[in-house]
Amino acid sequence: MPRPAIFLHSAAVITLVQAVLHTIGGVFGKPMPGPATAAVEAMKANRFLLLGNTRSYWDFYLGFGLGATISLTAEAVVFWLLAGLAKRDALSLRPILITFLLAYAAMGVNAYAFFFVGPVIAEILVVLCLAMALWTTKAEAQR
């Protein structure tokens, strides 16, 4: 029977790849010519004062995009670290794994509603890895 660490390492790699692709394509990608470019220019051009700082909608878009990259990278590191812990005490990780599984399922629904198929597939793969890690924790604990 496979061990939870294998599935957690897989989730870590998938999440790190997602972070890299999100950064390259989403945060720093170039908009398509036409309406997308016009929308970006409008987001950059309209600046406003907010809590003593001048910001634009582009600043928020870029900041939230980088925030997602940071979170995905941190989650990849956490999954990798959890894989090491699963080798010693897999059962105690179950609440953490369930929390991440539910969060990634919700992110998959969010990606389906507001983005495109790429992130949906990544979220589904991470959910499957976490579900398999959960499923194999009992077997690991019995060894």
Protein backbone atom coordinates (compact mmCIF):
# COMPACT_ATOMS: atom_id res chain seq x y z
CA MET A 1 0.00 0.00 0.00
CA PRO A 2 1.36 3.46 -0.89
CA ARG A 3 2.27 5.70 1.99
CA PRO A 4 0.73 9.14 2.68
CA ALA A 5 4.10 10.82 2.11
CA ILE A 6 4.00 9.90 -1.59
CA PHE A 7 0.66 11.66 -2.03
CA LEU A 8 1.75 14.66 0.03
CA HIS A 9 4.94 15.02 -2.01
CA SER A 10 2.77 14.84 -5.15
CA ALA A 11 0.45 17.54 -3.79
CA ALA A 12 3.50 19.69 -3.00
CA VAL A 13 4.86 19.40 -6.53
CA ILE A 14 1.48 20.10 -8.16
CA THR A 15 0.97 23.13 -5.92
CA LEU A 16 4.46 24.48 -6.64
CA VAL A 17 3.93 24.06 -10.39
CA GLN A 18 0.62 25.88 -10.04
CA ALA A 19 2.38 28.72 -8.17
CA VAL A 20 5.00 29.07 -10.91
CA LEU A 21 2.45 28.98 -13.74
CA HIS A 22 0.18 31.41 -11.90
CA THR A 23 3.08 33.84 -11.56
CA ILE A 24 4.31 33.53 -15.14
CA GLY A 25 0.95 33.48 -16.87
CA GLY A 26 -1.39 35.19 -14.45
CA VAL A 27 0.53 37.83 -12.57
CA PHE A 28 3.21 38.77 -15.10
CA GLY A 29 1.55 37.56 -18.32
CA LYS A 30 0.79 40.00 -21.10
CA PRO A 31 -2.88 40.70 -21.84
CA MET A 32 -4.24 39.81 -25.26
CA PRO A 33 -4.54 42.74 -27.67
CA GLY A 34 -7.91 44.43 -27.81
CA PRO A 35 -10.40 44.49 -24.93
CA ALA A 36 -8.04 42.79 -22.44
CA THR A 37 -5.33 45.39 -23.01
CA ALA A 38 -7.90 48.19 -22.72
CA ALA A 39 -9.15 46.76 -19.43
CA VAL A 40 -5.60 46.58 -18.01
CA GLU A 41 -4.87 50.14 -19.11
CA ALA A 42 -8.10 51.34 -17.48
CA MET A 43 -7.18 49.50 -14.25
CA LYS A 44 -3.75 51.18 -14.27
CA ALA A 45 -5.02 54.66 -15.18
CA ASN A 46 -7.70 55.06 -12.53
CA ARG A 47 -5.89 55.88 -9.30
CA PHE A 48 -7.59 56.77 -6.02
CA LEU A 49 -6.71 57.58 -2.44
CA LEU A 50 -7.28 54.75 0.00
CA LEU A 51 -6.28 54.94 3.66
CA GLY A 52 -3.56 57.49 2.90
CA ASN A 53 -2.14 55.66 -0.12
CA THR A 54 -2.74 56.25 -3.80
CA ARG A 55 -3.60 52.96 -5.48
CA SER A 56 -5.21 51.68 -8.65
CA TYR A 57 -7.29 48.62 -9.38
CA TRP A 58 -4.19 47.26 -11.15
CA ASP A 59 -2.28 47.54 -7.86
CA PHE A 60 -4.94 45.41 -6.19
CA TYR A 61 -4.95 42.91 -9.07
CA LEU A 62 -1.17 42.59 -8.97
CA GLY A 63 -1.05 42.45 -5.17
CA PHE A 64 -3.73 39.77 -4.91
CA GLY A 65 -2.08 37.81 -7.71
CA LEU A 66 1.28 37.86 -5.95
CA GLY A 67 -0.51 37.01 -2.70
CA ALA A 68 -1.94 33.89 -4.35
CA THR A 69 1.54 32.96 -5.58
CA ILE A 70 2.96 33.39 -2.08
CA SER A 71 0.16 31.29 -0.57
CA LEU A 72 0.53 28.52 -3.14
CA THR A 73 4.28 28.40 -2.58
CA ALA A 74 3.83 28.27 1.20
CA GLU A 75 1.25 25.49 0.82
CA ALA A 76 3.65 23.50 -1.36
CA VAL A 77 6.29 23.77 1.39
CA VAL A 78 3.73 22.78 4.05
CA PHE A 79 2.68 19.70 2.03
CA TRP A 80 6.33 18.69 1.68
CA LEU A 81 6.90 19.11 5.43
CA LEU A 82 3.72 17.19 6.24
CA ALA A 83 5.02 14.31 4.11
CA GLY A 84 7.99 14.05 6.45
CA LEU A 85 5.76 14.14 9.51
CA ALA A 86 3.45 11.51 8.00
CA LYS A 87 6.30 9.02 8.15
CA ARG A 88 6.35 9.35 11.96
CA ASP A 89 2.76 10.08 12.98
CA ALA A 90 0.33 9.96 10.08
CA LEU A 91 -2.89 9.79 12.10
CA SER A 92 -2.30 13.08 13.89
CA LEU A 93 -2.15 14.85 10.51
CA ARG A 94 -5.70 13.91 9.54
CA PRO A 95 -7.36 17.16 10.76
CA ILE A 96 -4.76 19.21 8.85
CA LEU A 97 -5.22 17.12 5.72
CA ILE A 98 -9.01 17.41 5.94
CA THR A 99 -8.72 21.19 6.30
CA PHE A 100 -6.54 21.47 3.19
CA LEU A 101 -8.72 19.01 1.28
CA LEU A 102 -11.84 21.10 1.95
CA ALA A 103 -10.00 24.33 1.13
CA TYR A 104 -8.73 22.95 -2.19
CA ALA A 105 -12.20 21.63 -3.04
CA ALA A 106 -13.59 25.14 -2.41
CA MET A 107 -10.78 26.65 -4.50
CA GLY A 108 -11.70 24.23 -7.29
CA VAL A 109 -15.30 25.43 -7.22
CA ASN A 110 -14.07 29.03 -7.20
CA ALA A 111 -11.73 28.35 -10.13
CA TYR A 112 -14.57 26.71 -12.06
CA ALA A 113 -16.89 29.68 -11.42
CA PHE A 114 -14.43 32.49 -12.13
CA PHE A 115 -11.37 31.24 -14.03
CA PHE A 116 -10.70 28.44 -16.51
CA VAL A 117 -9.99 24.72 -16.67
CA GLY A 118 -6.24 24.80 -15.81
CA PRO A 119 -6.64 25.79 -12.15
CA VAL A 120 -9.67 23.51 -11.82
CA ILE A 121 -7.58 20.52 -12.89
CA ALA A 122 -4.76 21.49 -10.51
CA GLU A 123 -7.20 21.83 -7.59
CA ILE A 124 -8.81 18.46 -8.39
CA LEU A 125 -5.39 16.77 -8.52
CA VAL A 126 -4.42 18.25 -5.15
CA VAL A 127 -7.77 17.16 -3.65
CA LEU A 128 -7.18 13.63 -4.96
CA CYS A 129 -3.64 13.58 -3.53
CA LEU A 130 -4.89 14.79 -0.15
CA ALA A 131 -7.77 12.28 -0.19
CA MET A 132 -5.32 9.46 -0.92
CA ALA A 133 -2.98 10.71 1.81
CA LEU A 134 -5.92 10.65 4.23
CA TRP A 135 -6.96 7.19 3.10
CA THR A 136 -3.46 5.79 3.59
CA THR A 137 -2.86 7.35 7.02
CA LYS A 138 -4.62 4.49 8.81
CA ALA A 139 -2.50 1.89 7.06
CA GLU A 140 0.62 3.89 7.86
CA ALA A 141 -0.37 4.11 11.53
CA GLN A 142 -0.86 0.33 11.71
CA ARG A 143 2.73 -0.35 10.53
